[in-house]
Amino acid sequence: MIDGLSAGTLAELARLERTRTCLWPGAVSEAVRAWAEHVRLPRGRTWPHPGHGACCCCPDPWESRELLDQVARALSRRGARELRRVLAAHDQLWDPAPRTYRGEGPW
């Protein structure tokens, strides 16, 4: 269950999870949860966490975010819009000043 999505979009996600080989039931929900948890970490914390390597029990938040982009592209317009709205709230926590609003150059 992903808060902020309509029943129609949740049904569409369930169909995608059943029919796509790279997905499984609950994959999108797990990816949203992994990304949401990651963006709420203190800024000094990175993944994998210091002293710990990557493991199968801790999903890679960047892979999760990439999967969510792929899923959004596979959804209908309405479903993609709803999912992107949910993701935008988490993305805002990660980068409150997206690159498009910054001046040119690395400084």
PDB file of N, CA and C in Angstrom:
ATOM      1  N   MET A   1       0.840  -1.177   0.000  1.00  0.00           N
ATOM      2  CA  MET A   1       0.000   0.000   0.000  1.00  0.00           C
ATOM      3  C   MET A   1       0.886   1.241   0.000  1.00  0.00           C
ATOM      4  N   ILE A   2       0.610   2.138  -0.910  1.00  0.00           N
ATOM      5  CA  ILE A   2       1.367   3.379  -1.016  1.00  0.00           C
ATOM      6  C   ILE A   2       0.398   4.526  -0.795  1.00  0.00           C
ATOM      7  N   ASP A   3       0.627   5.293   0.259  1.00  0.00           N
ATOM      8  CA  ASP A   3      -0.244   6.434   0.551  1.00  0.00           C
ATOM      9  C   ASP A   3      -0.182   7.445  -0.585  1.00  0.00           C
ATOM     10  N   GLY A   4      -1.341   7.981  -0.939  1.00  0.00           N
ATOM     11  CA  GLY A   4      -1.410   9.011  -1.962  1.00  0.00           C
ATOM     12  C   GLY A   4      -1.765   8.498  -3.344  1.00  0.00           C
ATOM     13  N   LEU A   5      -1.914   7.177  -3.496  1.00  0.00           N
ATOM     14  CA  LEU A   5      -2.283   6.612  -4.791  1.00  0.00           C
ATOM     15  C   LEU A   5      -3.727   6.145  -4.761  1.00  0.00           C
ATOM     16  N   SER A   6      -4.413   6.344  -5.868  1.00  0.00           N
ATOM     17  CA  SER A   6      -5.812   5.925  -5.966  1.00  0.00           C
ATOM     18  C   SER A   6      -5.890   4.405  -6.106  1.00  0.00           C
ATOM     19  N   ALA A   7      -7.087   3.876  -5.903  1.00  0.00           N
ATOM     20  CA  ALA A   7      -7.301   2.433  -6.037  1.00  0.00           C
ATOM     21  C   ALA A   7      -6.987   1.977  -7.460  1.00  0.00           C
ATOM     22  N   GLY A   8      -7.324   2.804  -8.443  1.00  0.00           N
ATOM     23  CA  GLY A   8      -7.035   2.451  -9.832  1.00  0.00           C
ATOM     24  C   GLY A   8      -5.545   2.334 -10.103  1.00  0.00           C
ATOM     25  N   THR A   9      -4.774   3.252  -9.558  1.00  0.00           N
ATOM     26  CA  THR A   9      -3.325   3.211  -9.749  1.00  0.00           C
ATOM     27  C   THR A   9      -2.722   2.036  -8.996  1.00  0.00           C
ATOM     28  N   LEU A  10      -3.224   1.753  -7.807  1.00  0.00           N
ATOM     29  CA  LEU A  10      -2.734   0.587  -7.062  1.00  0.00           C
ATOM     30  C   LEU A  10      -3.021  -0.700  -7.823  1.00  0.00           C
ATOM     31  N   ALA A  11      -4.198  -0.784  -8.453  1.00  0.00           N
ATOM     32  CA  ALA A  11      -4.538  -1.966  -9.251  1.00  0.00           C
ATOM     33  C   ALA A  11      -3.614  -2.067 -10.466  1.00  0.00           C
ATOM     34  N   GLU A  12      -3.320  -0.933 -11.079  1.00  0.00           N
ATOM     35  CA  GLU A  12      -2.413  -0.925 -12.226  1.00  0.00           C
ATOM     36  C   GLU A  12      -1.007  -1.372 -11.810  1.00  0.00           C
ATOM     37  N   LEU A  13      -0.560  -0.922 -10.643  1.00  0.00           N
ATOM     38  CA  LEU A  13       0.744  -1.351 -10.126  1.00  0.00           C
ATOM     39  C   LEU A  13       0.756  -2.850  -9.857  1.00  0.00           C
ATOM     40  N   ALA A  14      -0.328  -3.364  -9.291  1.00  0.00           N
ATOM     41  CA  ALA A  14      -0.411  -4.801  -9.015  1.00  0.00           C
ATOM     42  C   ALA A  14      -0.325  -5.601 -10.315  1.00  0.00           C
ATOM     43  N   ARG A  15      -0.982  -5.124 -11.375  1.00  0.00           N
ATOM     44  CA  ARG A  15      -0.898  -5.800 -12.676  1.00  0.00           C
ATOM     45  C   ARG A  15       0.532  -5.773 -13.207  1.00  0.00           C
ATOM     46  N   LEU A  16       1.181  -4.619 -13.107  1.00  0.00           N
ATOM     47  CA  LEU A  16       2.577  -4.521 -13.558  1.00  0.00           C
ATOM     48  C   LEU A  16       3.472  -5.478 -12.779  1.00  0.00           C
ATOM     49  N   GLU A  17       3.288  -5.530 -11.473  1.00  0.00           N
ATOM     50  CA  GLU A  17       4.121  -6.396 -10.636  1.00  0.00           C
ATOM     51  C   GLU A  17       3.927  -7.869 -10.988  1.00  0.00           C
ATOM     52  N   ARG A  18       2.733  -8.223 -11.438  1.00  0.00           N
ATOM     53  CA  ARG A  18       2.475  -9.618 -11.819  1.00  0.00           C
ATOM     54  C   ARG A  18       3.015  -9.948 -13.208  1.00  0.00           C
ATOM     55  N   THR A  19       3.065  -8.962 -14.096  1.00  0.00           N
ATOM     56  CA  THR A  19       3.382  -9.257 -15.495  1.00  0.00           C
ATOM     57  C   THR A  19       4.814  -8.934 -15.902  1.00  0.00           C
ATOM     58  N   ARG A  20       5.528  -8.140 -15.162  1.00  0.00           N
ATOM     59  CA  ARG A  20       6.907  -7.776 -15.526  1.00  0.00           C
ATOM     60  C   ARG A  20       7.890  -8.697 -14.817  1.00  0.00           C
ATOM     61  N   THR A  21       8.876  -9.176 -15.557  1.00  0.00           N
ATOM     62  CA  THR A  21       9.836 -10.120 -14.981  1.00  0.00           C
ATOM     63  C   THR A  21      10.750  -9.476 -13.943  1.00  0.00           C
ATOM     64  N   CYS A  22      10.964  -8.167 -14.034  1.00  0.00           N
ATOM     65  CA  CYS A  22      11.867  -7.504 -13.084  1.00  0.00           C
ATOM     66  C   CYS A  22      11.146  -7.096 -11.797  1.00  0.00           C
ATOM     67  N   LEU A  23       9.847  -7.363 -11.717  1.00  0.00           N
ATOM     68  CA  LEU A  23       9.056  -6.987 -10.543  1.00  0.00           C
ATOM     69  C   LEU A  23       8.471  -8.220  -9.875  1.00  0.00           C
ATOM     70  N   TRP A  24       8.006  -8.049  -8.680  1.00  0.00           N
ATOM     71  CA  TRP A  24       7.325  -9.088  -7.909  1.00  0.00           C
ATOM     72  C   TRP A  24       6.255  -8.389  -7.085  1.00  0.00           C
ATOM     73  N   PRO A  25       5.293  -9.134  -6.550  1.00  0.00           N
ATOM     74  CA  PRO A  25       4.241  -8.489  -5.743  1.00  0.00           C
ATOM     75  C   PRO A  25       4.846  -7.716  -4.571  1.00  0.00           C
ATOM     76  N   GLY A  26       4.548  -6.440  -4.498  1.00  0.00           N
ATOM     77  CA  GLY A  26       5.063  -5.584  -3.433  1.00  0.00           C
ATOM     78  C   GLY A  26       6.356  -4.866  -3.781  1.00  0.00           C
ATOM     79  N   ALA A  27       6.898  -5.076  -4.982  1.00  0.00           N
ATOM     80  CA  ALA A  27       8.189  -4.480  -5.352  1.00  0.00           C
ATOM     81  C   ALA A  27       8.141  -2.955  -5.344  1.00  0.00           C
ATOM     82  N   VAL A  28       7.068  -2.386  -5.863  1.00  0.00           N
ATOM     83  CA  VAL A  28       6.984  -0.923  -5.943  1.00  0.00           C
ATOM     84  C   VAL A  28       6.851  -0.326  -4.547  1.00  0.00           C
ATOM     85  N   SER A  29       6.049  -0.951  -3.717  1.00  0.00           N
ATOM     86  CA  SER A  29       5.889  -0.478  -2.343  1.00  0.00           C
ATOM     87  C   SER A  29       7.221  -0.537  -1.593  1.00  0.00           C
ATOM     88  N   GLU A  30       7.972  -1.623  -1.786  1.00  0.00           N
ATOM     89  CA  GLU A  30       9.283  -1.754  -1.145  1.00  0.00           C
ATOM     90  C   GLU A  30      10.242  -0.671  -1.641  1.00  0.00           C
ATOM     91  N   ALA A  31      10.198  -0.381  -2.940  1.00  0.00           N
ATOM     92  CA  ALA A  31      11.082   0.637  -3.505  1.00  0.00           C
ATOM     93  C   ALA A  31      10.738   2.026  -2.966  1.00  0.00           C
ATOM     94  N   VAL A  32       9.451   2.326  -2.864  1.00  0.00           N
ATOM     95  CA  VAL A  32       9.037   3.623  -2.301  1.00  0.00           C
ATOM     96  C   VAL A  32       9.504   3.721  -0.851  1.00  0.00           C
ATOM     97  N   ARG A  33       9.319   2.653  -0.092  1.00  0.00           N
ATOM     98  CA  ARG A  33       9.735   2.662   1.312  1.00  0.00           C
ATOM     99  C   ARG A  33      11.254   2.838   1.434  1.00  0.00           C
ATOM    100  N   ALA A  34      12.031   2.132   0.597  1.00  0.00           N
ATOM    101  CA  ALA A  34      13.495   2.246   0.652  1.00  0.00           C
ATOM    102  C   ALA A  34      13.945   3.670   0.336  1.00  0.00           C
ATOM    103  N   TRP A  35      13.345   4.276  -0.687  1.00  0.00           N
ATOM    104  CA  TRP A  35      13.714   5.647  -1.051  1.00  0.00           C
ATOM    105  C   TRP A  35      13.290   6.627   0.042  1.00  0.00           C
ATOM    106  N   ALA A  36      12.094   6.455   0.576  1.00  0.00           N
ATOM    107  CA  ALA A  36      11.594   7.355   1.622  1.00  0.00           C
ATOM    108  C   ALA A  36      12.473   7.278   2.873  1.00  0.00           C
ATOM    109  N   GLU A  37      12.901   6.079   3.232  1.00  0.00           N
ATOM    110  CA  GLU A  37      13.773   5.937   4.402  1.00  0.00           C
ATOM    111  C   GLU A  37      15.136   6.575   4.142  1.00  0.00           C
ATOM    112  N   HIS A  38      15.646   6.409   2.940  1.00  0.00           N
ATOM    113  CA  HIS A  38      16.969   6.949   2.615  1.00  0.00           C
ATOM    114  C   HIS A  38      16.985   8.480   2.664  1.00  0.00           C
ATOM    115  N   VAL A  39      15.970   9.116   2.112  1.00  0.00           N
ATOM    116  CA  VAL A  39      15.985  10.586   2.068  1.00  0.00           C
ATOM    117  C   VAL A  39      15.797  11.195   3.448  1.00  0.00           C
ATOM    118  N   ARG A  40      15.349  10.406   4.395  1.00  0.00           N
ATOM    119  CA  ARG A  40      15.165  10.916   5.754  1.00  0.00           C
ATOM    120  C   ARG A  40      16.392  10.700   6.642  1.00  0.00           C
ATOM    121  N   LEU A  41      17.417  10.042   6.103  1.00  0.00           N
ATOM    122  CA  LEU A  41      18.655   9.874   6.861  1.00  0.00           C
ATOM    123  C   LEU A  41      19.352  11.222   7.007  1.00  0.00           C
ATOM    124  N   PRO A  42      20.134  11.400   8.067  1.00  0.00           N
ATOM    125  CA  PRO A  42      20.939  12.621   8.166  1.00  0.00           C
ATOM    126  C   PRO A  42      21.846  12.738   6.944  1.00  0.00           C
ATOM    127  N   ARG A  43      22.121  13.960   6.500  1.00  0.00           N
ATOM    128  CA  ARG A  43      22.857  14.168   5.252  1.00  0.00           C
ATOM    129  C   ARG A  43      24.237  13.513   5.243  1.00  0.00           C
ATOM    130  N   GLY A  44      24.873  13.334   6.374  1.00  0.00           N
ATOM    131  CA  GLY A  44      26.192  12.719   6.406  1.00  0.00           C
ATOM    132  C   GLY A  44      26.174  11.219   6.181  1.00  0.00           C
ATOM    133  N   ARG A  45      25.013  10.610   6.331  1.00  0.00           N
ATOM    134  CA  ARG A  45      24.912   9.159   6.157  1.00  0.00           C
ATOM    135  C   ARG A  45      24.766   8.841   4.678  1.00  0.00           C
ATOM    136  N   THR A  46      25.476   7.869   4.229  1.00  0.00           N
ATOM    137  CA  THR A  46      25.378   7.458   2.837  1.00  0.00           C
ATOM    138  C   THR A  46      25.044   5.983   2.771  1.00  0.00           C
ATOM    139  N   TRP A  47      24.855   5.498   1.587  1.00  0.00           N
ATOM    140  CA  TRP A  47      24.592   4.082   1.390  1.00  0.00           C
ATOM    141  C   TRP A  47      25.676   3.523   0.505  1.00  0.00           C
ATOM    142  N   PRO A  48      26.263   2.374   0.785  1.00  0.00           N
ATOM    143  CA  PRO A  48      26.017   1.598   1.995  1.00  0.00           C
ATOM    144  C   PRO A  48      26.552   2.323   3.215  1.00  0.00           C
ATOM    145  N   HIS A  49      25.988   2.020   4.340  1.00  0.00           N
ATOM    146  CA  HIS A  49      26.359   2.709   5.566  1.00  0.00           C
ATOM    147  C   HIS A  49      27.802   2.380   5.930  1.00  0.00           C
ATOM    148  N   PRO A  50      28.520   3.347   6.479  1.00  0.00           N
ATOM    149  CA  PRO A  50      29.921   3.122   6.830  1.00  0.00           C
ATOM    150  C   PRO A  50      30.081   1.875   7.695  1.00  0.00           C
ATOM    151  N   GLY A  51      31.061   1.065   7.335  1.00  0.00           N
ATOM    152  CA  GLY A  51      31.320  -0.149   8.094  1.00  0.00           C
ATOM    153  C   GLY A  51      30.478  -1.329   7.656  1.00  0.00           C
ATOM    154  N   HIS A  52      29.562  -1.109   6.740  1.00  0.00           N
ATOM    155  CA  HIS A  52      28.712  -2.195   6.257  1.00  0.00           C
ATOM    156  C   HIS A  52      28.738  -2.196   4.736  1.00  0.00           C
ATOM    157  N   GLY A  53      28.891  -3.343   4.170  1.00  0.00           N
ATOM    158  CA  GLY A  53      28.800  -3.454   2.717  1.00  0.00           C
ATOM    159  C   GLY A  53      27.354  -3.584   2.303  1.00  0.00           C
ATOM    160  N   ALA A  54      27.152  -3.581   1.020  1.00  0.00           N
ATOM    161  CA  ALA A  54      25.792  -3.790   0.504  1.00  0.00           C
ATOM    162  C   ALA A  54      25.363  -5.218   0.823  1.00  0.00           C
ATOM    163  N   CYS A  55      24.119  -5.379   1.182  1.00  0.00           N
ATOM    164  CA  CYS A  55      23.607  -6.720   1.463  1.00  0.00           C
ATOM    165  C   CYS A  55      22.185  -6.827   0.930  1.00  0.00           C
ATOM    166  N   CYS A  56      21.716  -8.051   0.812  1.00  0.00           N
ATOM    167  CA  CYS A  56      20.379  -8.245   0.245  1.00  0.00           C
ATOM    168  C   CYS A  56      19.275  -7.818   1.209  1.00  0.00           C
ATOM    169  N   CYS A  57      19.598  -7.639   2.478  1.00  0.00           N
ATOM    170  CA  CYS A  57      18.564  -7.231   3.433  1.00  0.00           C
ATOM    171  C   CYS A  57      18.333  -5.718   3.410  1.00  0.00           C
ATOM    172  N   CYS A  58      19.264  -4.970   2.838  1.00  0.00           N
ATOM    173  CA  CYS A  58      19.147  -3.511   2.767  1.00  0.00           C
ATOM    174  C   CYS A  58      19.117  -3.101   1.302  1.00  0.00           C
ATOM    175  N   PRO A  59      17.957  -2.765   0.778  1.00  0.00           N
ATOM    176  CA  PRO A  59      17.892  -2.421  -0.642  1.00  0.00           C
ATOM    177  C   PRO A  59      18.667  -1.146  -0.955  1.00  0.00           C
ATOM    178  N   ASP A  60      19.280  -1.121  -2.127  1.00  0.00           N
ATOM    179  CA  ASP A  60      20.011   0.051  -2.595  1.00  0.00           C
ATOM    180  C   ASP A  60      18.991   1.139  -2.924  1.00  0.00           C
ATOM    181  N   PRO A  61      19.022   2.279  -2.237  1.00  0.00           N
ATOM    182  CA  PRO A  61      18.020   3.318  -2.485  1.00  0.00           C
ATOM    183  C   PRO A  61      18.096   3.889  -3.893  1.00  0.00           C
ATOM    184  N   TRP A  62      19.280   3.924  -4.477  1.00  0.00           N
ATOM    185  CA  TRP A  62      19.421   4.471  -5.832  1.00  0.00           C
ATOM    186  C   TRP A  62      18.817   3.521  -6.858  1.00  0.00           C
ATOM    187  N   GLU A  63      18.997   2.215  -6.652  1.00  0.00           N
ATOM    188  CA  GLU A  63      18.339   1.242  -7.534  1.00  0.00           C
ATOM    189  C   GLU A  63      16.832   1.317  -7.355  1.00  0.00           C
ATOM    190  N   SER A  64      16.395   1.518  -6.130  1.00  0.00           N
ATOM    191  CA  SER A  64      14.961   1.649  -5.865  1.00  0.00           C
ATOM    192  C   SER A  64      14.395   2.858  -6.591  1.00  0.00           C
ATOM    193  N   ARG A  65      15.107   3.978  -6.545  1.00  0.00           N
ATOM    194  CA  ARG A  65      14.610   5.194  -7.201  1.00  0.00           C
ATOM    195  C   ARG A  65      14.576   5.017  -8.712  1.00  0.00           C
ATOM    196  N   GLU A  66      15.586   4.344  -9.248  1.00  0.00           N
ATOM    197  CA  GLU A  66      15.615   4.084 -10.687  1.00  0.00           C
ATOM    198  C   GLU A  66      14.465   3.160 -11.092  1.00  0.00           C
ATOM    199  N   LEU A  67      14.198   2.150 -10.280  1.00  0.00           N
ATOM    200  CA  LEU A  67      13.072   1.251 -10.549  1.00  0.00           C
ATOM    201  C   LEU A  67      11.763   2.033 -10.563  1.00  0.00           C
ATOM    202  N   LEU A  68      11.609   2.961  -9.640  1.00  0.00           N
ATOM    203  CA  LEU A  68      10.382   3.759  -9.582  1.00  0.00           C
ATOM    204  C   LEU A  68      10.222   4.626 -10.826  1.00  0.00           C
ATOM    205  N   ASP A  69      11.316   5.133 -11.368  1.00  0.00           N
ATOM    206  CA  ASP A  69      11.243   5.880 -12.629  1.00  0.00           C
ATOM    207  C   ASP A  69      10.788   4.972 -13.766  1.00  0.00           C
ATOM    208  N   GLN A  70      11.317   3.757 -13.810  1.00  0.00           N
ATOM    209  CA  GLN A  70      10.918   2.808 -14.850  1.00  0.00           C
ATOM    210  C   GLN A  70       9.445   2.450 -14.723  1.00  0.00           C
ATOM    211  N   VAL A  71       8.992   2.242 -13.507  1.00  0.00           N
ATOM    212  CA  VAL A  71       7.585   1.910 -13.277  1.00  0.00           C
ATOM    213  C   VAL A  71       6.700   3.075 -13.704  1.00  0.00           C
ATOM    214  N   ALA A  72       7.094   4.297 -13.371  1.00  0.00           N
ATOM    215  CA  ALA A  72       6.296   5.468 -13.753  1.00  0.00           C
ATOM    216  C   ALA A  72       6.158   5.561 -15.268  1.00  0.00           C
ATOM    217  N   ARG A  73       7.217   5.210 -15.999  1.00  0.00           N
ATOM    218  CA  ARG A  73       7.141   5.241 -17.462  1.00  0.00           C
ATOM    219  C   ARG A  73       6.225   4.150 -18.006  1.00  0.00           C
ATOM    220  N   ALA A  74       6.044   3.070 -17.261  1.00  0.00           N
ATOM    221  CA  ALA A  74       5.193   1.967 -17.718  1.00  0.00           C
ATOM    222  C   ALA A  74       3.720   2.171 -17.363  1.00  0.00           C
ATOM    223  N   LEU A  75       3.434   3.107 -16.476  1.00  0.00           N
ATOM    224  CA  LEU A  75       2.051   3.351 -16.049  1.00  0.00           C
ATOM    225  C   LEU A  75       1.303   4.233 -17.044  1.00  0.00           C
ATOM    226  N   SER A  76      -0.007   4.256 -16.891  1.00  0.00           N
ATOM    227  CA  SER A  76      -0.830   5.192 -17.659  1.00  0.00           C
ATOM    228  C   SER A  76      -0.465   6.616 -17.239  1.00  0.00           C
ATOM    229  N   ARG A  77      -0.920   7.586 -18.004  1.00  0.00           N
ATOM    230  CA  ARG A  77      -0.622   8.987 -17.656  1.00  0.00           C
ATOM    231  C   ARG A  77      -1.079   9.328 -16.250  1.00  0.00           C
ATOM    232  N   ARG A  78      -2.305   8.955 -15.935  1.00  0.00           N
ATOM    233  CA  ARG A  78      -2.854   9.276 -14.613  1.00  0.00           C
ATOM    234  C   ARG A  78      -2.066   8.579 -13.509  1.00  0.00           C
ATOM    235  N   GLY A  79      -1.784   7.292 -13.707  1.00  0.00           N
ATOM    236  CA  GLY A  79      -1.031   6.544 -12.708  1.00  0.00           C
ATOM    237  C   GLY A  79       0.371   7.091 -12.520  1.00  0.00           C
ATOM    238  N   ALA A  80       1.022   7.425 -13.632  1.00  0.00           N
ATOM    239  CA  ALA A  80       2.374   7.986 -13.553  1.00  0.00           C
ATOM    240  C   ALA A  80       2.362   9.322 -12.823  1.00  0.00           C
ATOM    241  N   ARG A  81       1.356  10.135 -13.105  1.00  0.00           N
ATOM    242  CA  ARG A  81       1.256  11.447 -12.441  1.00  0.00           C
ATOM    243  C   ARG A  81       1.100  11.265 -10.934  1.00  0.00           C
ATOM    244  N   GLU A  82       0.266  10.313 -10.525  1.00  0.00           N
ATOM    245  CA  GLU A  82       0.072  10.070  -9.087  1.00  0.00           C
ATOM    246  C   GLU A  82       1.358   9.578  -8.436  1.00  0.00           C
ATOM    247  N   LEU A  83       2.029   8.616  -9.074  1.00  0.00           N
ATOM    248  CA  LEU A  83       3.265   8.079  -8.504  1.00  0.00           C
ATOM    249  C   LEU A  83       4.337   9.164  -8.439  1.00  0.00           C
ATOM    250  N   ARG A  84       4.462   9.961  -9.484  1.00  0.00           N
ATOM    251  CA  ARG A  84       5.470  11.030  -9.476  1.00  0.00           C
ATOM    252  C   ARG A  84       5.176  12.084  -8.415  1.00  0.00           C
ATOM    253  N   ARG A  85       3.908  12.313  -8.127  1.00  0.00           N
ATOM    254  CA  ARG A  85       3.558  13.269  -7.068  1.00  0.00           C
ATOM    255  C   ARG A  85       4.022  12.732  -5.708  1.00  0.00           C
ATOM    256  N   VAL A  86       3.828  11.431  -5.476  1.00  0.00           N
ATOM    257  CA  VAL A  86       4.297  10.815  -4.225  1.00  0.00           C
ATOM    258  C   VAL A  86       5.825  10.899  -4.152  1.00  0.00           C
ATOM    259  N   LEU A  87       6.491  10.577  -5.253  1.00  0.00           N
ATOM    260  CA  LEU A  87       7.954  10.603  -5.271  1.00  0.00           C
ATOM    261  C   LEU A  87       8.506  12.013  -5.123  1.00  0.00           C
ATOM    262  N   ALA A  88       7.811  12.993  -5.669  1.00  0.00           N
ATOM    263  CA  ALA A  88       8.279  14.381  -5.586  1.00  0.00           C
ATOM    264  C   ALA A  88       8.391  14.841  -4.138  1.00  0.00           C
ATOM    265  N   ALA A  89       7.484  14.384  -3.293  1.00  0.00           N
ATOM    266  CA  ALA A  89       7.549  14.764  -1.876  1.00  0.00           C
ATOM    267  C   ALA A  89       8.823  14.217  -1.235  1.00  0.00           C
ATOM    268  N   HIS A  90       9.201  12.992  -1.592  1.00  0.00           N
ATOM    269  CA  HIS A  90      10.435  12.407  -1.051  1.00  0.00           C
ATOM    270  C   HIS A  90      11.662  13.052  -1.693  1.00  0.00           C
ATOM    271  N   ASP A  91      11.598  13.275  -3.001  1.00  0.00           N
ATOM    272  CA  ASP A  91      12.728  13.899  -3.695  1.00  0.00           C
ATOM    273  C   ASP A  91      13.014  15.287  -3.135  1.00  0.00           C
ATOM    274  N   GLN A  92      11.985  15.993  -2.753  1.00  0.00           N
ATOM    275  CA  GLN A  92      12.140  17.336  -2.183  1.00  0.00           C
ATOM    276  C   GLN A  92      12.965  17.280  -0.894  1.00  0.00           C
ATOM    277  N   LEU A  93      12.793  16.223  -0.117  1.00  0.00           N
ATOM    278  CA  LEU A  93      13.592  16.069   1.105  1.00  0.00           C
ATOM    279  C   LEU A  93      15.056  15.829   0.770  1.00  0.00           C
ATOM    280  N   TRP A  94      15.295  15.096  -0.323  1.00  0.00           N
ATOM    281  CA  TRP A  94      16.666  14.779  -0.701  1.00  0.00           C
ATOM    282  C   TRP A  94      17.377  16.009  -1.248  1.00  0.00           C
ATOM    283  N   ASP A  95      16.709  16.757  -2.112  1.00  0.00           N
ATOM    284  CA  ASP A  95      17.330  17.918  -2.742  1.00  0.00           C
ATOM    285  C   ASP A  95      16.319  19.055  -2.794  1.00  0.00           C
ATOM    286  N   PRO A  96      16.284  19.892  -1.758  1.00  0.00           N
ATOM    287  CA  PRO A  96      15.277  20.950  -1.710  1.00  0.00           C
ATOM    288  C   PRO A  96      15.435  22.010  -2.793  1.00  0.00           C
ATOM    289  N   ALA A  97      16.599  22.097  -3.432  1.00  0.00           N
ATOM    290  CA  ALA A  97      16.808  23.052  -4.526  1.00  0.00           C
ATOM    291  C   ALA A  97      17.252  22.268  -5.761  1.00  0.00           C
ATOM    292  N   PRO A  98      16.312  21.694  -6.509  1.00  0.00           N
ATOM    293  CA  PRO A  98      16.693  20.899  -7.684  1.00  0.00           C
ATOM    294  C   PRO A  98      17.571  21.697  -8.638  1.00  0.00           C
ATOM    295  N   ARG A  99      18.400  20.992  -9.363  1.00  0.00           N
ATOM    296  CA  ARG A  99      19.397  21.605 -10.242  1.00  0.00           C
ATOM    297  C   ARG A  99      18.792  22.616 -11.215  1.00  0.00           C
ATOM    298  N   THR A 100      17.579  22.415 -11.653  1.00  0.00           N
ATOM    299  CA  THR A 100      16.982  23.334 -12.622  1.00  0.00           C
ATOM    300  C   THR A 100      16.780  24.726 -12.037  1.00  0.00           C
ATOM    301  N   TYR A 101      16.769  24.845 -10.711  1.00  0.00           N
ATOM    302  CA  TYR A 101      16.555  26.143 -10.081  1.00  0.00           C
ATOM    303  C   TYR A 101      17.849  26.787  -9.615  1.00  0.00           C
ATOM    304  N   ARG A 102      18.961  26.117  -9.824  1.00  0.00           N
ATOM    305  CA  ARG A 102      20.247  26.669  -9.417  1.00  0.00           C
ATOM    306  C   ARG A 102      20.878  27.418 -10.578  1.00  0.00           C
ATOM    307  N   GLY A 103      21.838  28.256 -10.260  1.00  0.00           N
ATOM    308  CA  GLY A 103      22.592  28.918 -11.315  1.00  0.00           C
ATOM    309  C   GLY A 103      23.493  27.920 -12.021  1.00  0.00           C
ATOM    310  N   GLU A 104      24.025  28.301 -13.160  1.00  0.00           N
ATOM    311  CA  GLU A 104      24.928  27.432 -13.904  1.00  0.00           C
ATOM    312  C   GLU A 104      26.244  27.276 -13.160  1.00  0.00           C
ATOM    313  N   GLY A 105      26.913  26.192 -13.387  1.00  0.00           N
ATOM    314  CA  GLY A 105      28.219  25.953 -12.805  1.00  0.00           C
ATOM    315  C   GLY A 105      28.142  25.207 -11.491  1.00  0.00           C
ATOM    316  N   PRO A 106      29.266  24.624 -11.094  1.00  0.00           N
ATOM    317  CA  PRO A 106      29.293  23.810  -9.879  1.00  0.00           C
ATOM    318  C   PRO A 106      29.308  24.612  -8.588  1.00  0.00           C
ATOM    319  N   TRP A 107      29.456  25.926  -8.635  1.00  0.00           N
ATOM    320  CA  TRP A 107      29.577  26.716  -7.415  1.00  0.00           C
ATOM    321  C   TRP A 107      28.254  27.254  -7.030  1.00  0.00           C
TER     322      TRP A 107
END
